[in-house]
Amino acid sequence: MPLTRRTRTLLSWLPAALLVVIIGAIVVGTFTLQASWWAEDDPEASADQKASDGGSMLTDAGFDYVNVEGVLRVRVGEGALPASDLGLRANETKDAEFRRPVQALIAAGDDVHVIDNVITATAVASSDRLAEVTVGIDGAGSWRGAIEGLRARAAEFGWDAAQFEGLDERLLEFNSTGSGEVFEVQIGPGQDADTTVTATVTFSREGGATTVALSFAPPA
């Protein structure tokens, strides 16, 4: 059936009308983002994002603020808030994966351990007590680089030289056997008066990637 002049005129306006709708949607979306908390240069933390001691709330909202500020703050051991004051249930494990590498400040007693390039965190509550905080580190790189980086902080974390002995030989044995895809070792626990620190180093046979996680817990 041939198109009438009126129909042709309406069709000629259709692409322009769609473009107006799309542009309108983009403008609304942009305005919404600009007006949101995420777009602020230095957003102020709300009550469900920062704990009463200035540390991070261990909740989705708290981890959202960590993503923006770039710093995770947690105290373990003496002086730490009850788990419920940090947004956790009395017995709960809470995991977080950050959108970018952040810095973790783990306070224990009078010391503050500074961990850079943190991409994951796991908080474990037991009997309304923060029983453990584990941070996963991005960009550990090679096995040798990871081990040497940890060895450099041995005194800080209370580890002795014996805990590093034989690690390279064990890795060589793993590579020579051809059995299994992942080789994992623990260094520690090292302990001082304020905290217990354990490192977990994981080597992947495929590609040789090495990851490091540091776990902080109150002294036993």
Protein backbone atom coordinates (compact mmCIF):
# COMPACT_ATOMS: atom_id res chain seq x y z
CA MET A 1 0.00 0.00 0.00
CA PRO A 2 1.55 3.38 -0.96
CA LEU A 3 2.49 5.75 1.86
CA THR A 4 0.54 8.94 2.17
CA ARG A 5 2.26 12.30 2.49
CA ARG A 6 1.17 12.47 6.14
CA THR A 7 2.66 9.04 6.90
CA ARG A 8 5.94 9.97 5.25
CA THR A 9 6.07 13.17 7.31
CA LEU A 10 5.51 11.26 10.57
CA LEU A 11 8.21 8.73 9.71
CA SER A 12 10.68 11.48 8.93
CA TRP A 13 10.21 12.84 12.46
CA LEU A 14 10.65 9.43 14.17
CA PRO A 15 14.52 9.31 14.30
CA ALA A 16 14.64 12.86 15.63
CA ALA A 17 12.06 12.04 18.28
CA LEU A 18 14.04 8.97 19.37
CA LEU A 19 17.19 11.06 19.58
CA VAL A 20 15.43 13.56 21.84
CA VAL A 21 14.32 10.72 24.14
CA ILE A 22 17.86 9.27 24.30
CA ILE A 23 19.45 12.64 24.99
CA GLY A 24 16.85 13.30 27.68
CA ALA A 25 17.68 9.99 29.34
CA ILE A 26 21.42 10.79 29.27
CA VAL A 27 20.83 14.23 30.78
CA VAL A 28 18.67 12.78 33.57
CA GLY A 29 21.22 10.05 34.26
CA THR A 30 24.09 12.53 34.35
CA PHE A 31 22.20 14.86 36.67
CA THR A 32 21.36 11.95 38.98
CA LEU A 33 25.04 10.91 39.17
CA GLN A 34 26.23 14.47 39.73
CA ALA A 35 23.72 14.91 42.53
CA SER A 36 24.64 11.61 44.16
CA TRP A 37 26.95 10.97 47.09
CA TRP A 38 29.36 9.06 44.82
CA ALA A 39 30.17 12.16 42.76
CA GLU A 40 31.24 14.29 45.73
CA ASP A 41 34.94 15.11 45.88
CA ASP A 42 35.20 14.46 49.61
CA PRO A 43 31.97 12.83 50.81
CA GLU A 44 31.24 12.79 54.51
CA ALA A 45 30.70 9.34 55.99
CA SER A 46 27.27 8.56 57.37
CA ALA A 47 26.61 6.72 60.63
CA ASP A 48 26.37 3.37 58.86
CA GLN A 49 29.70 3.91 57.08
CA LYS A 50 32.05 4.93 59.90
CA ALA A 51 32.16 3.44 63.40
CA SER A 52 32.15 5.44 66.63
CA ASP A 53 35.93 5.01 67.01
CA GLY A 54 36.58 6.38 63.52
CA GLY A 55 37.13 2.96 61.99
CA SER A 56 35.33 1.48 59.03
CA MET A 57 31.94 -0.12 59.43
CA LEU A 58 32.27 -3.71 58.23
CA THR A 59 29.08 -3.58 56.19
CA ASP A 60 28.18 -3.01 52.55
CA ALA A 61 27.70 0.70 53.30
CA GLY A 62 31.01 0.87 55.16
CA PHE A 63 32.87 -0.84 52.34
CA ASP A 64 31.24 1.56 49.86
CA TYR A 65 32.84 4.42 51.78
CA VAL A 66 36.19 2.60 51.71
CA ASN A 67 35.90 2.45 47.93
CA VAL A 68 35.48 6.22 47.76
CA GLU A 69 37.95 7.27 50.46
CA GLY A 70 40.51 4.62 49.56
CA VAL A 71 41.26 3.62 53.16
CA LEU A 72 40.09 0.68 55.29
CA ARG A 73 40.46 1.28 59.04
CA VAL A 74 40.09 -1.59 61.52
CA ARG A 75 41.19 -2.14 65.12
CA VAL A 76 41.75 -5.67 66.41
CA GLY A 77 42.41 -6.92 69.92
CA GLU A 78 42.30 -4.74 73.01
CA GLY A 79 40.25 -1.60 72.51
CA ALA A 80 38.37 -2.94 69.50
CA LEU A 81 34.64 -2.29 69.33
CA PRO A 82 32.19 -5.19 69.66
CA ALA A 83 31.36 -6.77 66.32
CA SER A 84 27.78 -5.53 66.59
CA ASP A 85 29.05 -1.93 66.78
CA LEU A 86 30.80 -2.55 63.46
CA GLY A 87 27.61 -3.69 61.76
CA LEU A 88 28.26 -7.42 62.08
CA ARG A 89 26.12 -10.05 63.73
CA ALA A 90 27.60 -11.73 66.80
CA ASN A 91 28.78 -14.65 64.66
CA GLU A 92 29.25 -13.65 61.04
CA THR A 93 31.78 -13.62 58.22
CA LYS A 94 31.66 -10.60 55.90
CA ASP A 95 33.56 -10.40 52.61
CA ALA A 96 34.33 -7.35 50.49
CA GLU A 97 35.92 -6.87 47.10
CA PHE A 98 37.03 -3.31 46.44
CA ARG A 99 36.61 -1.52 43.13
CA ARG A 100 40.22 -0.38 43.22
CA PRO A 101 43.26 -1.06 45.41
CA VAL A 102 42.92 0.66 48.79
CA GLN A 103 45.13 1.13 51.82
CA ALA A 104 44.38 -0.82 55.02
CA LEU A 105 45.27 0.60 58.43
CA ILE A 106 45.13 -2.23 60.97
CA ALA A 107 45.44 -0.89 64.50
CA ALA A 108 46.58 -3.15 67.34
CA GLY A 109 47.53 -1.66 70.67
CA ASP A 110 49.74 1.36 69.99
CA ASP A 111 50.81 0.07 66.56
CA VAL A 112 49.22 0.65 63.18
CA HIS A 113 50.10 -1.74 60.36
CA VAL A 114 49.88 -0.09 56.94
CA ILE A 115 49.04 -2.42 54.05
CA ASP A 116 48.92 -1.02 50.52
CA ASN A 117 47.20 -2.35 47.39
CA VAL A 118 44.42 -4.15 49.24
CA ILE A 119 41.70 -5.49 46.95
CA THR A 120 39.70 -7.77 49.27
CA ALA A 121 38.82 -7.95 52.96
CA THR A 122 37.19 -10.57 55.15
CA ALA A 123 35.99 -9.87 58.69
CA VAL A 124 35.11 -12.70 61.05
CA ALA A 125 33.00 -12.11 64.16
CA SER A 126 32.69 -14.65 66.95
CA SER A 127 30.65 -14.12 70.12
CA ASP A 128 30.29 -10.43 69.23
CA ARG A 129 34.06 -10.06 69.02
CA LEU A 130 36.10 -9.25 65.93
CA ALA A 131 38.01 -12.52 65.76
CA GLU A 132 39.98 -11.91 62.55
CA VAL A 133 40.47 -9.50 59.67
CA THR A 134 42.10 -10.71 56.46
CA VAL A 135 43.19 -8.44 53.62
CA GLY A 136 44.11 -9.66 50.14
CA ILE A 137 46.90 -7.80 48.37
CA ASP A 138 46.95 -7.00 44.67
CA GLY A 139 50.07 -7.10 42.54
CA ALA A 140 52.21 -9.34 44.73
CA GLY A 141 53.81 -10.43 41.45
CA SER A 142 56.33 -13.24 41.48
CA TRP A 143 56.86 -15.82 44.20
CA ARG A 144 60.26 -14.38 45.00
CA GLY A 145 58.94 -10.84 45.18
CA ALA A 146 56.10 -11.87 47.49
CA ILE A 147 58.38 -13.79 49.85
CA GLU A 148 60.99 -11.05 49.97
CA GLY A 149 58.29 -8.45 50.65
CA LEU A 150 57.04 -10.47 53.59
CA ARG A 151 60.55 -11.18 54.85
CA ALA A 152 61.18 -7.42 54.96
CA ARG A 153 58.27 -7.06 57.43
CA ALA A 154 59.10 -10.11 59.53
CA ALA A 155 60.13 -8.10 62.58
CA GLU A 156 56.98 -5.97 62.37
CA PHE A 157 54.71 -9.02 62.25
CA GLY A 158 56.63 -11.09 64.82
CA TRP A 159 57.95 -13.75 62.44
CA ASP A 160 61.36 -15.35 62.79
CA ALA A 161 63.76 -16.41 60.04
CA ALA A 162 63.00 -20.11 60.53
CA GLN A 163 59.47 -19.58 59.19
CA PHE A 164 60.93 -18.70 55.78
CA GLU A 165 63.31 -21.66 55.56
CA GLY A 166 62.66 -24.26 52.89
CA LEU A 167 59.87 -22.36 51.12
CA ASP A 168 61.71 -22.14 47.78
CA GLU A 169 62.57 -25.84 47.94
CA ARG A 170 58.96 -26.76 48.59
CA LEU A 171 57.86 -24.67 45.59
CA LEU A 172 60.51 -26.36 43.41
CA GLU A 173 59.19 -29.76 44.49
CA PHE A 174 55.63 -28.70 43.65
CA ASN A 175 56.68 -27.55 40.16
CA SER A 176 58.61 -30.75 39.51
CA THR A 177 55.82 -33.15 40.48
CA GLY A 178 53.20 -31.75 38.11
CA SER A 179 50.50 -32.54 40.66
CA GLY A 180 47.90 -29.95 41.60
CA GLU A 181 47.27 -26.45 40.30
CA VAL A 182 47.88 -24.36 43.42
CA PHE A 183 50.69 -24.32 45.97
CA GLU A 184 49.95 -22.56 49.26
CA VAL A 185 52.06 -21.87 52.33
CA GLN A 186 51.53 -19.98 55.55
CA ILE A 187 54.07 -17.80 57.31
CA GLY A 188 53.38 -17.34 60.98
CA PRO A 189 51.51 -16.93 63.07
CA GLY A 190 53.78 -14.31 64.50
CA GLN A 191 52.66 -12.81 67.75
CA ASP A 192 53.39 -9.85 69.94
CA ALA A 193 51.45 -8.46 72.87
CA ASP A 194 48.77 -6.91 70.70
CA THR A 195 48.04 -9.05 67.64
CA THR A 196 48.67 -12.30 65.80
CA VAL A 197 49.63 -12.00 62.12
CA THR A 198 49.61 -14.80 59.54
CA ALA A 199 50.47 -14.55 55.85
CA THR A 200 49.05 -16.93 53.26
CA VAL A 201 51.02 -17.07 50.01
CA THR A 202 49.39 -18.80 47.05
CA PHE A 203 51.22 -19.74 43.84
CA SER A 204 49.25 -20.74 40.74
CA ARG A 205 50.94 -23.18 38.40
CA GLU A 206 49.19 -21.63 35.40
CA GLY A 207 51.00 -18.39 34.68
CA GLY A 208 52.96 -18.44 37.94
CA ALA A 209 50.77 -15.77 39.58
CA THR A 210 51.38 -15.30 43.31
CA THR A 211 48.91 -13.75 45.74
CA VAL A 212 49.30 -12.74 49.38
CA ALA A 213 46.73 -12.42 52.16
CA LEU A 214 47.45 -11.10 55.66
CA SER A 215 45.30 -12.13 58.61
CA PHE A 216 45.21 -10.12 61.84
CA ALA A 217 43.67 -11.54 65.00
CA PRO A 218 43.70 -10.78 68.73
CA PRO A 219 46.44 -12.64 70.61
CA ALA A 220 45.41 -16.10 71.76
